[in-house]
Amino acid sequence: MKARKHQTRSLDAPFLEVAKRAWMRRAQVDSFVKEIQVLRNGHILSRKSKLWKLDLIWENGLLRVRSRISAVHVPATAKQPMILDGKHSFTRLLVQHEHKLATSLMKEWSMNSDKDTR
């Protein structure tokens, strides 16, 4: 039997971003399958839905909240954030990861803040 050759790929930023979006899409489908079906078919959400009060848009396969912020110079992802269920395991991991990143940035900033503020 011949051994299969495995292709390897480095984990560069674009690859990681694609993977992150795939996980976000999966988390949304797991959490909001009915809402996604309704919106994709052009219908209005039921009042029973957790999301019915939000102004939602379906963009590139992801649910986003339409924001009133349009003139501000911030990335589109900040103007129209994705919706993730806080109870989903991916969301918990993502929040934990982002919290660790922010905490490490704050440590670096706070250690240098005395020098920088003079």
PDB file of N, CA and C in Angstrom:
ATOM      1  N   MET A   1       0.821  -1.177   0.000  1.00  0.00           N
ATOM      2  CA  MET A   1       0.000   0.000   0.000  1.00  0.00           C
ATOM      3  C   MET A   1       0.871   1.248   0.000  1.00  0.00           C
ATOM      4  N   LYS A   2       0.507   2.218  -0.820  1.00  0.00           N
ATOM      5  CA  LYS A   2       1.269   3.460  -0.884  1.00  0.00           C
ATOM      6  C   LYS A   2       0.830   4.410   0.222  1.00  0.00           C
ATOM      7  N   ALA A   3       1.809   5.049   0.778  1.00  0.00           N
ATOM      8  CA  ALA A   3       1.505   6.058   1.803  1.00  0.00           C
ATOM      9  C   ALA A   3       1.056   7.346   1.113  1.00  0.00           C
ATOM     10  N   ARG A   4       0.047   7.960   1.667  1.00  0.00           N
ATOM     11  CA  ARG A   4      -0.436   9.221   1.107  1.00  0.00           C
ATOM     12  C   ARG A   4       0.454  10.366   1.561  1.00  0.00           C
ATOM     13  N   LYS A   5       0.681  11.263   0.645  1.00  0.00           N
ATOM     14  CA  LYS A   5       1.439  12.459   0.992  1.00  0.00           C
ATOM     15  C   LYS A   5       0.460  13.496   1.529  1.00  0.00           C
ATOM     16  N   HIS A   6       0.794  14.039   2.673  1.00  0.00           N
ATOM     17  CA  HIS A   6      -0.053  15.058   3.277  1.00  0.00           C
ATOM     18  C   HIS A   6       0.442  16.433   2.869  1.00  0.00           C
ATOM     19  N   GLN A   7      -0.489  17.245   2.453  1.00  0.00           N
ATOM     20  CA  GLN A   7      -0.138  18.626   2.154  1.00  0.00           C
ATOM     21  C   GLN A   7      -0.183  19.419   3.452  1.00  0.00           C
ATOM     22  N   THR A   8       0.794  20.249   3.616  1.00  0.00           N
ATOM     23  CA  THR A   8       0.797  21.105   4.801  1.00  0.00           C
ATOM     24  C   THR A   8       0.615  22.544   4.359  1.00  0.00           C
ATOM     25  N   ARG A   9       0.069  23.308   5.236  1.00  0.00           N
ATOM     26  CA  ARG A   9      -0.146  24.718   4.951  1.00  0.00           C
ATOM     27  C   ARG A   9       0.169  25.499   6.216  1.00  0.00           C
ATOM     28  N   SER A  10       0.830  26.606   6.031  1.00  0.00           N
ATOM     29  CA  SER A  10       1.131  27.432   7.199  1.00  0.00           C
ATOM     30  C   SER A  10      -0.146  28.133   7.661  1.00  0.00           C
ATOM     31  N   LEU A  11      -0.184  28.440   8.932  1.00  0.00           N
ATOM     32  CA  LEU A  11      -1.352  29.102   9.496  1.00  0.00           C
ATOM     33  C   LEU A  11      -1.166  30.615   9.408  1.00  0.00           C
ATOM     34  N   ASP A  12      -1.281  31.131   8.186  1.00  0.00           N
ATOM     35  CA  ASP A  12      -1.135  32.568   8.004  1.00  0.00           C
ATOM     36  C   ASP A  12      -2.447  33.280   8.337  1.00  0.00           C
ATOM     37  N   ALA A  13      -2.392  34.589   8.429  1.00  0.00           N
ATOM     38  CA  ALA A  13      -3.551  35.388   8.858  1.00  0.00           C
ATOM     39  C   ALA A  13      -4.787  35.181   7.980  1.00  0.00           C
ATOM     40  N   PRO A  14      -4.676  35.200   6.645  1.00  0.00           N
ATOM     41  CA  PRO A  14      -5.877  34.981   5.830  1.00  0.00           C
ATOM     42  C   PRO A  14      -6.506  33.600   6.059  1.00  0.00           C
ATOM     43  N   PHE A  15      -5.678  32.585   6.204  1.00  0.00           N
ATOM     44  CA  PHE A  15      -6.192  31.235   6.453  1.00  0.00           C
ATOM     45  C   PHE A  15      -6.936  31.184   7.786  1.00  0.00           C
ATOM     46  N   LEU A  16      -6.363  31.798   8.815  1.00  0.00           N
ATOM     47  CA  LEU A  16      -6.998  31.817  10.132  1.00  0.00           C
ATOM     48  C   LEU A  16      -8.306  32.602  10.106  1.00  0.00           C
ATOM     49  N   GLU A  17      -8.354  33.678   9.331  1.00  0.00           N
ATOM     50  CA  GLU A  17      -9.587  34.474   9.227  1.00  0.00           C
ATOM     51  C   GLU A  17     -10.694  33.674   8.542  1.00  0.00           C
ATOM     52  N   VAL A  18     -10.340  32.923   7.505  1.00  0.00           N
ATOM     53  CA  VAL A  18     -11.323  32.066   6.824  1.00  0.00           C
ATOM     54  C   VAL A  18     -11.844  31.006   7.787  1.00  0.00           C
ATOM     55  N   ALA A  19     -10.955  30.414   8.556  1.00  0.00           N
ATOM     56  CA  ALA A  19     -11.360  29.394   9.529  1.00  0.00           C
ATOM     57  C   ALA A  19     -12.267  29.995  10.598  1.00  0.00           C
ATOM     58  N   LYS A  20     -11.932  31.184  11.060  1.00  0.00           N
ATOM     59  CA  LYS A  20     -12.744  31.856  12.084  1.00  0.00           C
ATOM     60  C   LYS A  20     -14.148  32.140  11.556  1.00  0.00           C
ATOM     61  N   ARG A  21     -14.236  32.622  10.315  1.00  0.00           N
ATOM     62  CA  ARG A  21     -15.549  32.896   9.713  1.00  0.00           C
ATOM     63  C   ARG A  21     -16.354  31.612   9.539  1.00  0.00           C
ATOM     64  N   ALA A  22     -15.687  30.523   9.194  1.00  0.00           N
ATOM     65  CA  ALA A  22     -16.385  29.239   9.053  1.00  0.00           C
ATOM     66  C   ALA A  22     -16.960  28.794  10.395  1.00  0.00           C
ATOM     67  N   TRP A  23     -16.187  28.971  11.455  1.00  0.00           N
ATOM     68  CA  TRP A  23     -16.678  28.617  12.790  1.00  0.00           C
ATOM     69  C   TRP A  23     -17.827  29.532  13.208  1.00  0.00           C
ATOM     70  N   MET A  24     -17.741  30.808  12.870  1.00  0.00           N
ATOM     71  CA  MET A  24     -18.824  31.742  13.192  1.00  0.00           C
ATOM     72  C   MET A  24     -20.104  31.350  12.457  1.00  0.00           C
ATOM     73  N   ARG A  25     -19.946  31.010  11.191  1.00  0.00           N
ATOM     74  CA  ARG A  25     -21.098  30.574  10.395  1.00  0.00           C
ATOM     75  C   ARG A  25     -21.723  29.333  11.022  1.00  0.00           C
ATOM     76  N   ARG A  26     -20.885  28.391  11.419  1.00  0.00           N
ATOM     77  CA  ARG A  26     -21.383  27.155  12.038  1.00  0.00           C
ATOM     78  C   ARG A  26     -22.111  27.447  13.352  1.00  0.00           C
ATOM     79  N   ALA A  27     -21.539  28.327  14.155  1.00  0.00           N
ATOM     80  CA  ALA A  27     -22.160  28.684  15.434  1.00  0.00           C
ATOM     81  C   ALA A  27     -23.516  29.348  15.209  1.00  0.00           C
ATOM     82  N   GLN A  28     -23.605  30.199  14.183  1.00  0.00           N
ATOM     83  CA  GLN A  28     -24.886  30.835  13.879  1.00  0.00           C
ATOM     84  C   GLN A  28     -25.921  29.816  13.423  1.00  0.00           C
ATOM     85  N   VAL A  29     -25.523  28.900  12.571  1.00  0.00           N
ATOM     86  CA  VAL A  29     -26.455  27.867  12.099  1.00  0.00           C
ATOM     87  C   VAL A  29     -26.918  27.005  13.268  1.00  0.00           C
ATOM     88  N   ASP A  30     -25.994  26.635  14.144  1.00  0.00           N
ATOM     89  CA  ASP A  30     -26.362  25.838  15.322  1.00  0.00           C
ATOM     90  C   ASP A  30     -27.379  26.563  16.201  1.00  0.00           C
ATOM     91  N   SER A  31     -27.221  27.870  16.336  1.00  0.00           N
ATOM     92  CA  SER A  31     -28.027  28.641  17.283  1.00  0.00           C
ATOM     93  C   SER A  31     -29.281  29.271  16.679  1.00  0.00           C
ATOM     94  N   PHE A  32     -29.217  29.636  15.398  1.00  0.00           N
ATOM     95  CA  PHE A  32     -30.299  30.417  14.798  1.00  0.00           C
ATOM     96  C   PHE A  32     -30.792  29.838  13.477  1.00  0.00           C
ATOM     97  N   VAL A  33     -30.903  28.537  13.385  1.00  0.00           N
ATOM     98  CA  VAL A  33     -31.259  27.906  12.113  1.00  0.00           C
ATOM     99  C   VAL A  33     -32.617  28.386  11.598  1.00  0.00           C
ATOM    100  N   LYS A  34     -33.615  28.499  12.462  1.00  0.00           N
ATOM    101  CA  LYS A  34     -34.945  28.946  12.018  1.00  0.00           C
ATOM    102  C   LYS A  34     -34.903  30.386  11.523  1.00  0.00           C
ATOM    103  N   GLU A  35     -34.219  31.241  12.265  1.00  0.00           N
ATOM    104  CA  GLU A  35     -34.120  32.646  11.891  1.00  0.00           C
ATOM    105  C   GLU A  35     -33.406  32.813  10.551  1.00  0.00           C
ATOM    106  N   ILE A  36     -32.359  32.044  10.341  1.00  0.00           N
ATOM    107  CA  ILE A  36     -31.611  32.117   9.083  1.00  0.00           C
ATOM    108  C   ILE A  36     -32.499  31.706   7.918  1.00  0.00           C
ATOM    109  N   GLN A  37     -33.258  30.625   8.077  1.00  0.00           N
ATOM    110  CA  GLN A  37     -34.158  30.171   7.013  1.00  0.00           C
ATOM    111  C   GLN A  37     -35.203  31.235   6.687  1.00  0.00           C
ATOM    112  N   VAL A  38     -35.774  31.835   7.717  1.00  0.00           N
ATOM    113  CA  VAL A  38     -36.797  32.865   7.512  1.00  0.00           C
ATOM    114  C   VAL A  38     -36.209  34.060   6.761  1.00  0.00           C
ATOM    115  N   LEU A  39     -35.060  34.549   7.200  1.00  0.00           N
ATOM    116  CA  LEU A  39     -34.440  35.715   6.570  1.00  0.00           C
ATOM    117  C   LEU A  39     -33.982  35.429   5.143  1.00  0.00           C
ATOM    118  N   ARG A  40     -33.454  34.252   4.910  1.00  0.00           N
ATOM    119  CA  ARG A  40     -33.001  33.903   3.554  1.00  0.00           C
ATOM    120  C   ARG A  40     -34.167  33.828   2.582  1.00  0.00           C
ATOM    121  N   ASN A  41     -35.355  33.498   3.106  1.00  0.00           N
ATOM    122  CA  ASN A  41     -36.549  33.427   2.263  1.00  0.00           C
ATOM    123  C   ASN A  41     -37.260  34.774   2.155  1.00  0.00           C
ATOM    124  N   GLY A  42     -36.681  35.811   2.753  1.00  0.00           N
ATOM    125  CA  GLY A  42     -37.228  37.154   2.638  1.00  0.00           C
ATOM    126  C   GLY A  42     -38.421  37.439   3.529  1.00  0.00           C
ATOM    127  N   HIS A  43     -38.617  36.646   4.560  1.00  0.00           N
ATOM    128  CA  HIS A  43     -39.749  36.834   5.464  1.00  0.00           C
ATOM    129  C   HIS A  43     -39.316  37.590   6.719  1.00  0.00           C
ATOM    130  N   ILE A  44     -40.302  37.945   7.525  1.00  0.00           N
ATOM    131  CA  ILE A  44     -40.060  38.664   8.779  1.00  0.00           C
ATOM    132  C   ILE A  44     -40.039  37.666   9.925  1.00  0.00           C
ATOM    133  N   LEU A  45     -39.143  37.893  10.867  1.00  0.00           N
ATOM    134  CA  LEU A  45     -39.026  36.994  12.016  1.00  0.00           C
ATOM    135  C   LEU A  45     -40.268  37.050  12.898  1.00  0.00           C
ATOM    136  N   SER A  46     -40.565  35.929  13.505  1.00  0.00           N
ATOM    137  CA  SER A  46     -41.658  35.834  14.464  1.00  0.00           C
ATOM    138  C   SER A  46     -41.293  36.597  15.735  1.00  0.00           C
ATOM    139  N   ARG A  47     -42.298  37.098  16.428  1.00  0.00           N
ATOM    140  CA  ARG A  47     -42.056  37.796  17.696  1.00  0.00           C
ATOM    141  C   ARG A  47     -41.513  36.846  18.759  1.00  0.00           C
ATOM    142  N   LYS A  48     -41.628  35.572  18.537  1.00  0.00           N
ATOM    143  CA  LYS A  48     -41.121  34.578  19.486  1.00  0.00           C
ATOM    144  C   LYS A  48     -39.602  34.412  19.393  1.00  0.00           C
ATOM    145  N   SER A  49     -39.023  34.888  18.303  1.00  0.00           N
ATOM    146  CA  SER A  49     -37.579  34.765  18.100  1.00  0.00           C
ATOM    147  C   SER A  49     -36.817  35.696  19.034  1.00  0.00           C
ATOM    148  N   LYS A  50     -35.656  35.217  19.514  1.00  0.00           N
ATOM    149  CA  LYS A  50     -34.777  36.046  20.346  1.00  0.00           C
ATOM    150  C   LYS A  50     -34.269  37.264  19.573  1.00  0.00           C
ATOM    151  N   LEU A  51     -34.270  37.154  18.255  1.00  0.00           N
ATOM    152  CA  LEU A  51     -33.656  38.181  17.416  1.00  0.00           C
ATOM    153  C   LEU A  51     -34.661  39.132  16.771  1.00  0.00           C
ATOM    154  N   TRP A  52     -35.946  38.997  17.048  1.00  0.00           N
ATOM    155  CA  TRP A  52     -36.958  39.734  16.287  1.00  0.00           C
ATOM    156  C   TRP A  52     -36.857  41.245  16.422  1.00  0.00           C
ATOM    157  N   LYS A  53     -36.339  41.769  17.510  1.00  0.00           N
ATOM    158  CA  LYS A  53     -36.244  43.223  17.691  1.00  0.00           C
ATOM    159  C   LYS A  53     -35.045  43.827  16.960  1.00  0.00           C
ATOM    160  N   LEU A  54     -34.125  42.994  16.532  1.00  0.00           N
ATOM    161  CA  LEU A  54     -32.902  43.487  15.895  1.00  0.00           C
ATOM    162  C   LEU A  54     -33.112  43.718  14.403  1.00  0.00           C
ATOM    163  N   ASP A  55     -32.446  44.708  13.866  1.00  0.00           N
ATOM    164  CA  ASP A  55     -32.475  44.976  12.431  1.00  0.00           C
ATOM    165  C   ASP A  55     -31.355  44.143  11.804  1.00  0.00           C
ATOM    166  N   LEU A  56     -31.714  42.977  11.307  1.00  0.00           N
ATOM    167  CA  LEU A  56     -30.722  42.008  10.832  1.00  0.00           C
ATOM    168  C   LEU A  56     -30.502  42.104   9.335  1.00  0.00           C
ATOM    169  N   ILE A  57     -29.288  41.794   8.936  1.00  0.00           N
ATOM    170  CA  ILE A  57     -28.975  41.631   7.519  1.00  0.00           C
ATOM    171  C   ILE A  57     -28.248  40.304   7.354  1.00  0.00           C
ATOM    172  N   TRP A  58     -28.416  39.711   6.187  1.00  0.00           N
ATOM    173  CA  TRP A  58     -27.754  38.462   5.834  1.00  0.00           C
ATOM    174  C   TRP A  58     -26.677  38.833   4.836  1.00  0.00           C
ATOM    175  N   GLU A  59     -25.415  38.748   5.247  1.00  0.00           N
ATOM    176  CA  GLU A  59     -24.319  39.200   4.401  1.00  0.00           C
ATOM    177  C   GLU A  59     -23.212  38.157   4.358  1.00  0.00           C
ATOM    178  N   ASN A  60     -22.875  37.718   3.161  1.00  0.00           N
ATOM    179  CA  ASN A  60     -21.804  36.733   2.962  1.00  0.00           C
ATOM    180  C   ASN A  60     -21.975  35.505   3.842  1.00  0.00           C
ATOM    181  N   GLY A  61     -23.206  35.051   3.974  1.00  0.00           N
ATOM    182  CA  GLY A  61     -23.470  33.839   4.735  1.00  0.00           C
ATOM    183  C   GLY A  61     -23.451  34.017   6.239  1.00  0.00           C
ATOM    184  N   LEU A  62     -23.494  35.269   6.715  1.00  0.00           N
ATOM    185  CA  LEU A  62     -23.477  35.538   8.154  1.00  0.00           C
ATOM    186  C   LEU A  62     -24.579  36.526   8.532  1.00  0.00           C
ATOM    187  N   LEU A  63     -25.171  36.297   9.699  1.00  0.00           N
ATOM    188  CA  LEU A  63     -26.141  37.241  10.255  1.00  0.00           C
ATOM    189  C   LEU A  63     -25.392  38.397  10.892  1.00  0.00           C
ATOM    190  N   ARG A  64     -25.820  39.606  10.573  1.00  0.00           N
ATOM    191  CA  ARG A  64     -25.227  40.800  11.160  1.00  0.00           C
ATOM    192  C   ARG A  64     -26.347  41.728  11.618  1.00  0.00           C
ATOM    193  N   VAL A  65     -26.007  42.611  12.553  1.00  0.00           N
ATOM    194  CA  VAL A  65     -26.948  43.623  13.019  1.00  0.00           C
ATOM    195  C   VAL A  65     -26.679  44.901  12.238  1.00  0.00           C
ATOM    196  N   ARG A  66     -27.739  45.437  11.634  1.00  0.00           N
ATOM    197  CA  ARG A  66     -27.591  46.708  10.921  1.00  0.00           C
ATOM    198  C   ARG A  66     -27.505  47.813  11.975  1.00  0.00           C
ATOM    199  N   SER A  67     -26.530  48.648  11.824  1.00  0.00           N
ATOM    200  CA  SER A  67     -26.257  49.685  12.814  1.00  0.00           C
ATOM    201  C   SER A  67     -26.685  51.046  12.288  1.00  0.00           C
ATOM    202  N   ARG A  68     -26.897  51.974  13.199  1.00  0.00           N
ATOM    203  CA  ARG A  68     -27.201  53.350  12.787  1.00  0.00           C
ATOM    204  C   ARG A  68     -25.917  54.123  12.511  1.00  0.00           C
ATOM    205  N   ILE A  69     -24.790  53.538  12.829  1.00  0.00           N
ATOM    206  CA  ILE A  69     -23.499  54.198  12.609  1.00  0.00           C
ATOM    207  C   ILE A  69     -23.103  53.989  11.156  1.00  0.00           C
ATOM    208  N   SER A  70     -23.074  55.060  10.374  1.00  0.00           N
ATOM    209  CA  SER A  70     -22.665  54.897   8.985  1.00  0.00           C
ATOM    210  C   SER A  70     -21.542  55.853   8.602  1.00  0.00           C
ATOM    211  N   ALA A  71     -21.512  57.033   9.192  1.00  0.00           N
ATOM    212  CA  ALA A  71     -20.515  58.028   8.811  1.00  0.00           C
ATOM    213  C   ALA A  71     -19.200  57.889   9.566  1.00  0.00           C
ATOM    214  N   VAL A  72     -19.178  57.082  10.585  1.00  0.00           N
ATOM    215  CA  VAL A  72     -17.973  56.925  11.396  1.00  0.00           C
ATOM    216  C   VAL A  72     -16.936  56.116  10.621  1.00  0.00           C
ATOM    217  N   HIS A  73     -15.681  56.494  10.748  1.00  0.00           N
ATOM    218  CA  HIS A  73     -14.607  55.794  10.045  1.00  0.00           C
ATOM    219  C   HIS A  73     -14.098  54.629  10.886  1.00  0.00           C
ATOM    220  N   VAL A  74     -14.857  53.562  10.892  1.00  0.00           N
ATOM    221  CA  VAL A  74     -14.479  52.317  11.562  1.00  0.00           C
ATOM    222  C   VAL A  74     -14.730  51.185  10.579  1.00  0.00           C
ATOM    223  N   PRO A  75     -14.121  50.033  10.797  1.00  0.00           N
ATOM    224  CA  PRO A  75     -14.343  48.916   9.880  1.00  0.00           C
ATOM    225  C   PRO A  75     -15.824  48.529   9.807  1.00  0.00           C
ATOM    226  N   ALA A  76     -16.228  47.994   8.668  1.00  0.00           N
ATOM    227  CA  ALA A  76     -17.618  47.562   8.474  1.00  0.00           C
ATOM    228  C   ALA A  76     -18.033  46.543   9.522  1.00  0.00           C
ATOM    229  N   THR A  77     -17.090  45.738   9.985  1.00  0.00           N
ATOM    230  CA  THR A  77     -17.413  44.738  11.004  1.00  0.00           C
ATOM    231  C   THR A  77     -17.817  45.388  12.320  1.00  0.00           C
ATOM    232  N   ALA A  78     -17.343  46.594  12.581  1.00  0.00           N
ATOM    233  CA  ALA A  78     -17.749  47.320  13.792  1.00  0.00           C
ATOM    234  C   ALA A  78     -19.113  47.972  13.598  1.00  0.00           C
ATOM    235  N   LYS A  79     -19.408  48.388  12.360  1.00  0.00           N
ATOM    236  CA  LYS A  79     -20.696  49.009  12.067  1.00  0.00           C
ATOM    237  C   LYS A  79     -21.816  47.978  12.011  1.00  0.00           C
ATOM    238  N   GLN A  80     -21.484  46.793  11.553  1.00  0.00           N
ATOM    239  CA  GLN A  80     -22.479  45.731  11.410  1.00  0.00           C
ATOM    240  C   GLN A  80     -21.939  44.448  12.034  1.00  0.00           C
ATOM    241  N   PRO A  81     -21.955  44.377  13.364  1.00  0.00           N
ATOM    242  CA  PRO A  81     -21.372  43.211  14.037  1.00  0.00           C
ATOM    243  C   PRO A  81     -22.160  41.929  13.795  1.00  0.00           C
ATOM    244  N   MET A  82     -21.464  40.815  13.837  1.00  0.00           N
ATOM    245  CA  MET A  82     -22.096  39.505  13.708  1.00  0.00           C
ATOM    246  C   MET A  82     -22.826  39.157  14.987  1.00  0.00           C
ATOM    247  N   ILE A  83     -23.799  38.297  14.852  1.00  0.00           N
ATOM    248  CA  ILE A  83     -24.554  37.839  16.016  1.00  0.00           C
ATOM    249  C   ILE A  83     -24.073  36.443  16.359  1.00  0.00           C
ATOM    250  N   LEU A  84     -23.689  36.254  17.605  1.00  0.00           N
ATOM    251  CA  LEU A  84     -23.315  34.932  18.098  1.00  0.00           C
ATOM    252  C   LEU A  84     -24.049  34.679  19.407  1.00  0.00           C
ATOM    253  N   ASP A  85     -24.490  33.455  19.587  1.00  0.00           N
ATOM    254  CA  ASP A  85     -25.185  33.059  20.811  1.00  0.00           C
ATOM    255  C   ASP A  85     -24.162  32.883  21.928  1.00  0.00           C
ATOM    256  N   GLY A  86     -24.343  33.599  23.019  1.00  0.00           N
ATOM    257  CA  GLY A  86     -23.413  33.536  24.140  1.00  0.00           C
ATOM    258  C   GLY A  86     -23.318  32.169  24.787  1.00  0.00           C
ATOM    259  N   LYS A  87     -24.306  31.314  24.545  1.00  0.00           N
ATOM    260  CA  LYS A  87     -24.295  29.977  25.138  1.00  0.00           C
ATOM    261  C   LYS A  87     -23.555  28.955  24.273  1.00  0.00           C
ATOM    262  N   HIS A  88     -23.243  29.321  23.033  1.00  0.00           N
ATOM    263  CA  HIS A  88     -22.564  28.383  22.128  1.00  0.00           C
ATOM    264  C   HIS A  88     -21.102  28.222  22.550  1.00  0.00           C
ATOM    265  N   SER A  89     -20.586  27.016  22.463  1.00  0.00           N
ATOM    266  CA  SER A  89     -19.210  26.746  22.907  1.00  0.00           C
ATOM    267  C   SER A  89     -18.179  27.555  22.118  1.00  0.00           C
ATOM    268  N   PHE A  90     -18.406  27.754  20.814  1.00  0.00           N
ATOM    269  CA  PHE A  90     -17.467  28.556  20.030  1.00  0.00           C
ATOM    270  C   PHE A  90     -17.430  29.993  20.542  1.00  0.00           C
ATOM    271  N   THR A  91     -18.592  30.551  20.837  1.00  0.00           N
ATOM    272  CA  THR A  91     -18.652  31.930  21.326  1.00  0.00           C
ATOM    273  C   THR A  91     -17.890  32.066  22.631  1.00  0.00           C
ATOM    274  N   ARG A  92     -18.061  31.104  23.502  1.00  0.00           N
ATOM    275  CA  ARG A  92     -17.339  31.136  24.781  1.00  0.00           C
ATOM    276  C   ARG A  92     -15.831  31.110  24.558  1.00  0.00           C
ATOM    277  N   LEU A  93     -15.381  30.247  23.648  1.00  0.00           N
ATOM    278  CA  LEU A  93     -13.945  30.172  23.352  1.00  0.00           C
ATOM    279  C   LEU A  93     -13.440  31.463  22.719  1.00  0.00           C
ATOM    280  N   LEU A  94     -14.229  32.031  21.823  1.00  0.00           N
ATOM    281  CA  LEU A  94     -13.842  33.274  21.161  1.00  0.00           C
ATOM    282  C   LEU A  94     -13.722  34.416  22.168  1.00  0.00           C
ATOM    283  N   VAL A  95     -14.692  34.533  23.054  1.00  0.00           N
ATOM    284  CA  VAL A  95     -14.652  35.586  24.077  1.00  0.00           C
ATOM    285  C   VAL A  95     -13.448  35.389  24.992  1.00  0.00           C
ATOM    286  N   GLN A  96     -13.203  34.147  25.380  1.00  0.00           N
ATOM    287  CA  GLN A  96     -12.053  33.844  26.239  1.00  0.00           C
ATOM    288  C   GLN A  96     -10.747  34.233  25.538  1.00  0.00           C
ATOM    289  N   HIS A  97     -10.634  33.891  24.263  1.00  0.00           N
ATOM    290  CA  HIS A  97      -9.438  34.214  23.480  1.00  0.00           C
ATOM    291  C   HIS A  97      -9.246  35.729  23.371  1.00  0.00           C
ATOM    292  N   GLU A  98     -10.315  36.443  23.005  1.00  0.00           N
ATOM    293  CA  GLU A  98     -10.223  37.899  22.858  1.00  0.00           C
ATOM    294  C   GLU A  98      -9.904  38.566  24.194  1.00  0.00           C
ATOM    295  N   HIS A  99     -10.444  38.027  25.267  1.00  0.00           N
ATOM    296  CA  HIS A  99     -10.159  38.569  26.598  1.00  0.00           C
ATOM    297  C   HIS A  99      -8.676  38.407  26.939  1.00  0.00           C
ATOM    298  N   LYS A 100      -8.125  37.237  26.621  1.00  0.00           N
ATOM    299  CA  LYS A 100      -6.694  37.016  26.874  1.00  0.00           C
ATOM    300  C   LYS A 100      -5.840  37.975  26.056  1.00  0.00           C
ATOM    301  N   LEU A 101      -6.220  38.189  24.794  1.00  0.00           N
ATOM    302  CA  LEU A 101      -5.474  39.131  23.958  1.00  0.00           C
ATOM    303  C   LEU A 101      -5.529  40.538  24.541  1.00  0.00           C
ATOM    304  N   ALA A 102      -6.707  40.967  24.926  1.00  0.00           N
ATOM    305  CA  ALA A 102      -6.865  42.313  25.483  1.00  0.00           C
ATOM    306  C   ALA A 102      -6.106  42.453  26.796  1.00  0.00           C
ATOM    307  N   THR A 103      -6.141  41.427  27.616  1.00  0.00           N
ATOM    308  CA  THR A 103      -5.442  41.467  28.898  1.00  0.00           C
ATOM    309  C   THR A 103      -3.937  41.573  28.690  1.00  0.00           C
ATOM    310  N   SER A 104      -3.407  40.816  27.734  1.00  0.00           N
ATOM    311  CA  SER A 104      -1.962  40.880  27.496  1.00  0.00           C
ATOM    312  C   SER A 104      -1.573  42.233  26.924  1.00  0.00           C
ATOM    313  N   LEU A 105      -2.425  42.834  26.109  1.00  0.00           N
ATOM    314  CA  LEU A 105      -2.139  44.171  25.591  1.00  0.00           C
ATOM    315  C   LEU A 105      -2.169  45.201  26.711  1.00  0.00           C
ATOM    316  N   MET A 106      -3.101  45.048  27.620  1.00  0.00           N
ATOM    317  CA  MET A 106      -3.193  45.989  28.739  1.00  0.00           C
ATOM    318  C   MET A 106      -1.973  45.881  29.653  1.00  0.00           C
ATOM    319  N   LYS A 107      -1.468  44.671  29.852  1.00  0.00           N
ATOM    320  CA  LYS A 107      -0.280  44.508  30.693  1.00  0.00           C
ATOM    321  C   LYS A 107       0.893  45.248  30.079  1.00  0.00           C
ATOM    322  N   GLU A 108       1.058  45.086  28.768  1.00  0.00           N
ATOM    323  CA  GLU A 108       2.165  45.757  28.096  1.00  0.00           C
ATOM    324  C   GLU A 108       1.986  47.265  28.164  1.00  0.00           C
ATOM    325  N   TRP A 109       0.783  47.726  27.943  1.00  0.00           N
ATOM    326  CA  TRP A 109       0.527  49.153  27.993  1.00  0.00           C
ATOM    327  C   TRP A 109       0.756  49.706  29.396  1.00  0.00           C
ATOM    328  N   SER A 110       0.257  49.012  30.394  1.00  0.00           N
ATOM    329  CA  SER A 110       0.368  49.540  31.751  1.00  0.00           C
ATOM    330  C   SER A 110       1.816  49.548  32.232  1.00  0.00           C
ATOM    331  N   MET A 111       2.634  48.628  31.756  1.00  0.00           N
ATOM    332  CA  MET A 111       4.036  48.612  32.164  1.00  0.00           C
ATOM    333  C   MET A 111       4.784  49.787  31.541  1.00  0.00           C
ATOM    334  N   ASN A 112       4.386  50.219  30.361  1.00  0.00           N
ATOM    335  CA  ASN A 112       5.065  51.311  29.678  1.00  0.00           C
ATOM    336  C   ASN A 112       4.346  52.646  29.840  1.00  0.00           C
ATOM    337  N   SER A 113       3.212  52.659  30.496  1.00  0.00           N
ATOM    338  CA  SER A 113       2.393  53.871  30.529  1.00  0.00           C
ATOM    339  C   SER A 113       3.081  55.034  31.234  1.00  0.00           C
ATOM    340  N   ASP A 114       3.874  54.772  32.258  1.00  0.00           N
ATOM    341  CA  ASP A 114       4.558  55.862  32.959  1.00  0.00           C
ATOM    342  C   ASP A 114       5.497  56.614  32.025  1.00  0.00           C
ATOM    343  N   LYS A 115       6.255  55.870  31.229  1.00  0.00           N
ATOM    344  CA  LYS A 115       7.198  56.494  30.303  1.00  0.00           C
ATOM    345  C   LYS A 115       6.458  57.228  29.189  1.00  0.00           C
ATOM    346  N   ASP A 116       5.377  56.616  28.713  1.00  0.00           N
ATOM    347  CA  ASP A 116       4.663  57.175  27.570  1.00  0.00           C
ATOM    348  C   ASP A 116       3.871  58.430  27.908  1.00  0.00           C
ATOM    349  N   THR A 117       3.447  58.577  29.140  1.00  0.00           N
ATOM    350  CA  THR A 117       2.585  59.709  29.486  1.00  0.00           C
ATOM    351  C   THR A 117       3.348  60.944  29.947  1.00  0.00           C
ATOM    352  N   ARG A 118       4.649  60.872  30.030  1.00  0.00           N
ATOM    353  CA  ARG A 118       5.443  62.041  30.462  1.00  0.00           C
ATOM    354  C   ARG A 118       5.673  63.002  29.340  1.00  0.00           C
TER     355      ARG A 118
END
